[in-house]
N, C-alpha and C. Protein backbone atom coordinates (compact mmCIF):
# COMPACT_ATOMS: atom_id res chain seq x y z
N UNK A 1 -12.08 -2.98 -26.14
CA UNK A 1 -11.82 -4.14 -26.92
C UNK A 1 -12.20 -5.36 -26.12
N UNK A 2 -12.68 -6.38 -26.81
CA UNK A 2 -13.11 -7.60 -26.18
C UNK A 2 -12.05 -8.24 -25.36
N UNK A 3 -10.83 -8.34 -25.92
CA UNK A 3 -9.76 -9.02 -25.21
C UNK A 3 -9.42 -8.41 -23.85
N UNK A 4 -9.55 -7.12 -23.75
CA UNK A 4 -9.28 -6.47 -22.46
C UNK A 4 -10.22 -6.94 -21.36
N UNK A 5 -11.37 -7.42 -21.71
CA UNK A 5 -12.34 -7.90 -20.72
C UNK A 5 -12.19 -9.35 -20.38
N UNK A 6 -11.35 -10.08 -21.13
CA UNK A 6 -11.19 -11.47 -20.90
C UNK A 6 -10.22 -11.78 -19.73
N UNK A 7 -10.47 -12.82 -19.06
CA UNK A 7 -9.51 -13.25 -18.05
C UNK A 7 -8.40 -14.07 -18.73
N UNK A 8 -7.39 -14.49 -17.95
CA UNK A 8 -6.38 -15.35 -18.56
C UNK A 8 -6.93 -16.64 -19.16
N UNK A 9 -6.34 -17.04 -20.26
CA UNK A 9 -6.72 -18.28 -20.96
C UNK A 9 -8.15 -18.33 -21.41
N UNK A 10 -8.80 -17.16 -21.66
CA UNK A 10 -10.12 -17.12 -22.13
C UNK A 10 -10.14 -16.93 -23.60
N UNK A 11 -11.31 -17.24 -24.25
CA UNK A 11 -11.47 -17.00 -25.64
C UNK A 11 -12.69 -16.12 -25.88
N UNK A 12 -12.73 -15.47 -27.03
CA UNK A 12 -13.89 -14.66 -27.34
C UNK A 12 -14.15 -14.84 -28.83
N UNK A 13 -15.46 -14.72 -29.21
CA UNK A 13 -15.88 -14.81 -30.60
C UNK A 13 -16.29 -13.39 -30.99
N UNK A 14 -15.98 -13.09 -32.22
CA UNK A 14 -16.35 -11.74 -32.72
C UNK A 14 -16.42 -11.81 -34.23
N UNK A 15 -16.96 -10.81 -34.84
CA UNK A 15 -16.95 -10.58 -36.26
C UNK A 15 -15.83 -9.60 -36.55
N UNK A 16 -15.03 -9.88 -37.60
CA UNK A 16 -13.95 -9.01 -38.01
C UNK A 16 -14.11 -8.62 -39.45
N UNK A 17 -13.55 -7.51 -39.86
CA UNK A 17 -13.55 -7.11 -41.24
C UNK A 17 -12.16 -7.32 -41.83
N UNK A 18 -12.13 -8.06 -42.90
CA UNK A 18 -10.82 -8.39 -43.52
C UNK A 18 -10.94 -8.17 -45.07
N UNK A 19 -9.78 -7.96 -45.68
CA UNK A 19 -9.72 -8.03 -47.13
C UNK A 19 -9.56 -9.46 -47.52
N UNK A 20 -10.44 -9.95 -48.37
CA UNK A 20 -10.34 -11.32 -48.83
C UNK A 20 -9.10 -11.54 -49.68
N UNK A 21 -8.78 -10.49 -50.45
CA UNK A 21 -7.55 -10.49 -51.34
C UNK A 21 -6.85 -9.20 -51.13
N UNK A 22 -5.55 -9.18 -51.08
CA UNK A 22 -4.78 -7.94 -50.83
C UNK A 22 -5.05 -6.77 -51.75
N UNK A 23 -5.37 -7.07 -53.02
CA UNK A 23 -5.60 -5.93 -53.97
C UNK A 23 -7.03 -5.35 -53.90
N UNK A 24 -7.92 -5.96 -53.10
CA UNK A 24 -9.24 -5.43 -52.93
C UNK A 24 -9.35 -4.36 -51.95
N UNK A 25 -10.26 -3.42 -52.15
CA UNK A 25 -10.51 -2.35 -51.17
C UNK A 25 -11.66 -2.76 -50.27
N UNK A 26 -12.57 -3.61 -50.76
CA UNK A 26 -13.74 -3.94 -50.00
C UNK A 26 -13.38 -4.85 -48.82
N UNK A 27 -14.02 -4.64 -47.67
CA UNK A 27 -13.82 -5.47 -46.52
C UNK A 27 -15.00 -6.43 -46.38
N UNK A 28 -14.70 -7.61 -45.96
CA UNK A 28 -15.66 -8.69 -45.76
C UNK A 28 -15.74 -8.99 -44.28
N UNK A 29 -16.98 -9.16 -43.75
CA UNK A 29 -17.15 -9.52 -42.34
C UNK A 29 -17.10 -11.01 -42.20
N UNK A 30 -16.25 -11.47 -41.33
CA UNK A 30 -16.04 -12.91 -41.08
C UNK A 30 -16.03 -13.23 -39.56
N UNK A 31 -16.50 -14.38 -39.17
CA UNK A 31 -16.42 -14.76 -37.70
C UNK A 31 -14.96 -15.10 -37.38
N UNK A 32 -14.61 -14.80 -36.11
CA UNK A 32 -13.25 -15.07 -35.62
C UNK A 32 -13.26 -15.44 -34.18
N UNK A 33 -12.15 -16.11 -33.79
CA UNK A 33 -11.97 -16.48 -32.38
C UNK A 33 -10.68 -15.83 -31.93
N UNK A 34 -10.71 -15.15 -30.79
CA UNK A 34 -9.56 -14.49 -30.20
C UNK A 34 -9.19 -15.15 -28.86
N UNK A 35 -7.93 -15.10 -28.57
CA UNK A 35 -7.46 -15.46 -27.21
C UNK A 35 -6.10 -14.81 -26.97
N UNK A 36 -5.74 -14.69 -25.74
CA UNK A 36 -4.48 -14.12 -25.32
C UNK A 36 -3.74 -15.05 -24.40
N UNK A 37 -2.42 -15.06 -24.59
CA UNK A 37 -1.46 -15.78 -23.74
C UNK A 37 -0.34 -14.82 -23.45
N UNK A 38 -0.19 -14.46 -22.20
CA UNK A 38 0.79 -13.45 -21.88
C UNK A 38 0.56 -12.15 -22.62
N UNK A 39 1.54 -11.67 -23.32
CA UNK A 39 1.40 -10.45 -24.06
C UNK A 39 1.02 -10.63 -25.57
N UNK A 40 0.74 -11.90 -25.90
CA UNK A 40 0.46 -12.27 -27.30
C UNK A 40 -1.04 -12.46 -27.47
N UNK A 41 -1.58 -11.87 -28.53
CA UNK A 41 -3.00 -12.14 -28.92
C UNK A 41 -2.98 -12.94 -30.16
N UNK A 42 -3.95 -13.92 -30.21
CA UNK A 42 -4.09 -14.86 -31.33
C UNK A 42 -5.45 -14.70 -31.93
N UNK A 43 -5.59 -14.87 -33.25
CA UNK A 43 -6.88 -14.80 -33.87
C UNK A 43 -6.91 -15.83 -35.00
N UNK A 44 -8.06 -16.56 -35.04
CA UNK A 44 -8.32 -17.46 -36.19
C UNK A 44 -9.63 -17.01 -36.83
N UNK A 45 -9.58 -16.76 -38.15
CA UNK A 45 -10.71 -16.21 -38.86
C UNK A 45 -11.26 -17.27 -39.86
N UNK A 46 -12.53 -17.44 -39.79
CA UNK A 46 -13.20 -18.37 -40.73
C UNK A 46 -13.63 -17.53 -41.94
N UNK A 47 -12.95 -17.77 -43.13
CA UNK A 47 -13.25 -16.93 -44.30
C UNK A 47 -14.23 -17.60 -45.25
N UNK A 48 -14.42 -18.92 -45.12
CA UNK A 48 -15.41 -19.65 -45.92
C UNK A 48 -15.75 -20.94 -45.18
N UNK A 49 -16.58 -21.75 -45.80
CA UNK A 49 -17.05 -22.95 -45.12
C UNK A 49 -15.94 -23.81 -44.50
N UNK A 50 -14.88 -24.08 -45.23
CA UNK A 50 -13.74 -24.85 -44.67
C UNK A 50 -12.42 -24.12 -45.01
N UNK A 51 -12.43 -22.81 -44.73
CA UNK A 51 -11.23 -22.01 -45.07
C UNK A 51 -10.96 -21.09 -43.88
N UNK A 52 -9.71 -21.11 -43.38
CA UNK A 52 -9.36 -20.36 -42.21
C UNK A 52 -8.06 -19.56 -42.42
N UNK A 53 -7.92 -18.50 -41.70
CA UNK A 53 -6.71 -17.65 -41.65
C UNK A 53 -6.39 -17.46 -40.17
N UNK A 54 -5.09 -17.20 -39.96
CA UNK A 54 -4.67 -16.93 -38.55
C UNK A 54 -3.58 -15.92 -38.54
N UNK A 55 -3.43 -15.29 -37.35
CA UNK A 55 -2.30 -14.39 -37.13
C UNK A 55 -2.17 -14.24 -35.61
N UNK A 56 -1.01 -13.75 -35.19
CA UNK A 56 -0.81 -13.40 -33.82
C UNK A 56 -0.19 -12.07 -33.80
N UNK A 57 -0.31 -11.31 -32.66
CA UNK A 57 0.26 -10.01 -32.60
C UNK A 57 0.52 -9.64 -31.18
N UNK A 58 1.51 -8.71 -31.00
CA UNK A 58 1.84 -8.26 -29.68
C UNK A 58 1.24 -6.83 -29.48
N UNK A 59 1.27 -6.03 -30.46
CA UNK A 59 0.57 -4.74 -30.49
C UNK A 59 -0.03 -4.65 -31.89
N UNK A 60 -0.90 -3.70 -32.06
CA UNK A 60 -1.53 -3.61 -33.39
C UNK A 60 -0.60 -3.52 -34.53
N UNK A 61 0.60 -2.96 -34.34
CA UNK A 61 1.52 -2.85 -35.45
C UNK A 61 2.52 -3.98 -35.55
N UNK A 62 2.54 -4.93 -34.62
CA UNK A 62 3.40 -6.07 -34.62
C UNK A 62 2.58 -7.33 -34.91
N UNK A 63 2.16 -7.50 -36.18
CA UNK A 63 1.33 -8.60 -36.55
C UNK A 63 2.15 -9.60 -37.35
N UNK A 64 1.88 -10.90 -37.07
CA UNK A 64 2.61 -11.95 -37.70
C UNK A 64 1.67 -13.04 -38.28
N UNK A 65 1.96 -13.54 -39.41
CA UNK A 65 1.18 -14.65 -40.01
C UNK A 65 2.07 -15.90 -40.12
N UNK A 66 1.56 -16.85 -40.85
CA UNK A 66 2.31 -18.12 -40.97
C UNK A 66 3.05 -18.24 -42.32
N UNK A 67 2.76 -17.27 -43.18
CA UNK A 67 3.32 -17.36 -44.54
C UNK A 67 2.43 -18.06 -45.48
N UNK A 68 1.37 -18.62 -44.99
CA UNK A 68 0.33 -19.26 -45.81
C UNK A 68 -0.99 -18.51 -45.66
N UNK A 69 -1.62 -18.12 -46.75
CA UNK A 69 -2.82 -17.28 -46.58
C UNK A 69 -3.99 -18.04 -46.00
N UNK A 70 -4.32 -19.19 -46.58
CA UNK A 70 -5.54 -19.90 -46.16
C UNK A 70 -5.23 -21.40 -45.84
N UNK A 71 -6.03 -21.91 -44.92
CA UNK A 71 -5.96 -23.35 -44.59
C UNK A 71 -7.32 -23.96 -44.73
N UNK A 72 -7.36 -25.20 -45.18
CA UNK A 72 -8.65 -25.92 -45.31
C UNK A 72 -8.94 -26.76 -44.08
N UNK A 73 -8.06 -26.76 -43.07
CA UNK A 73 -8.22 -27.52 -41.86
C UNK A 73 -7.87 -26.59 -40.70
N UNK A 74 -8.85 -26.43 -39.80
CA UNK A 74 -8.62 -25.50 -38.69
C UNK A 74 -7.47 -25.96 -37.73
N UNK A 75 -7.29 -27.24 -37.63
CA UNK A 75 -6.24 -27.78 -36.79
C UNK A 75 -4.86 -27.40 -37.34
N UNK A 76 -4.67 -27.57 -38.66
CA UNK A 76 -3.42 -27.20 -39.33
C UNK A 76 -3.23 -25.66 -39.16
N UNK A 77 -4.28 -24.94 -39.30
CA UNK A 77 -4.18 -23.46 -39.13
C UNK A 77 -3.69 -23.05 -37.79
N UNK A 78 -4.26 -23.61 -36.74
CA UNK A 78 -3.91 -23.25 -35.36
C UNK A 78 -2.51 -23.81 -35.02
N UNK A 79 -2.25 -25.06 -35.33
CA UNK A 79 -0.97 -25.63 -35.02
C UNK A 79 0.15 -24.88 -35.67
N UNK A 80 0.05 -24.55 -36.95
CA UNK A 80 1.06 -23.81 -37.67
C UNK A 80 1.27 -22.47 -37.07
N UNK A 81 0.18 -21.74 -36.72
CA UNK A 81 0.32 -20.42 -36.09
C UNK A 81 1.08 -20.51 -34.78
N UNK A 82 0.74 -21.52 -33.93
CA UNK A 82 1.46 -21.69 -32.65
C UNK A 82 2.91 -22.05 -32.82
N UNK A 83 3.21 -22.84 -33.89
CA UNK A 83 4.60 -23.20 -34.17
C UNK A 83 5.42 -21.94 -34.62
N UNK A 84 4.80 -21.13 -35.43
CA UNK A 84 5.49 -19.92 -35.93
C UNK A 84 5.64 -18.95 -34.73
N UNK A 85 4.71 -18.87 -33.85
CA UNK A 85 4.84 -18.07 -32.62
C UNK A 85 5.99 -18.56 -31.74
N UNK A 86 6.03 -19.85 -31.55
CA UNK A 86 7.09 -20.47 -30.73
C UNK A 86 8.46 -20.21 -31.33
N UNK A 87 8.52 -20.34 -32.66
CA UNK A 87 9.82 -20.10 -33.29
C UNK A 87 10.23 -18.63 -33.12
N UNK A 88 9.27 -17.73 -33.29
CA UNK A 88 9.55 -16.32 -33.15
C UNK A 88 10.05 -15.98 -31.71
N UNK A 89 9.33 -16.57 -30.74
CA UNK A 89 9.74 -16.35 -29.32
C UNK A 89 11.13 -16.85 -29.06
N UNK A 90 11.49 -18.03 -29.65
CA UNK A 90 12.85 -18.56 -29.44
C UNK A 90 13.88 -17.64 -30.03
N UNK A 91 13.62 -17.13 -31.25
CA UNK A 91 14.56 -16.22 -31.92
C UNK A 91 14.68 -14.96 -31.08
N UNK A 92 13.58 -14.42 -30.57
CA UNK A 92 13.66 -13.19 -29.69
C UNK A 92 14.47 -13.44 -28.50
N UNK A 93 14.34 -14.61 -27.87
CA UNK A 93 15.11 -14.93 -26.67
C UNK A 93 16.63 -14.97 -26.99
N UNK A 94 16.97 -15.62 -28.14
CA UNK A 94 18.38 -15.68 -28.58
C UNK A 94 18.95 -14.28 -28.81
N UNK A 95 18.13 -13.44 -29.45
CA UNK A 95 18.60 -12.12 -29.80
C UNK A 95 18.87 -11.24 -28.58
N UNK A 96 18.08 -11.47 -27.49
CA UNK A 96 18.19 -10.67 -26.31
C UNK A 96 19.17 -11.24 -25.33
N UNK A 97 19.72 -12.38 -25.62
CA UNK A 97 20.75 -13.06 -24.70
C UNK A 97 22.12 -12.50 -24.94
């Protein structure tokens, strides 16, 4: 996997296959940017000219989104994802205390 080859605070570009709509079976290839911070991996996917999706994950089966499917501004997409991640981390810390 590309991320395994990255050093700390590095980013990588790749093509990913995604379902554009949940009910579709067909996968669409889209460009994406990946990065890791600690044990968390982040991905921002460009699905159209000015349309982005994001998610973060800890392992392949622990994937989280923002609750919003698409963003028309990449800054809003990334900031919202990072806020959701920070909120989840805070809840996890409270639960383990």
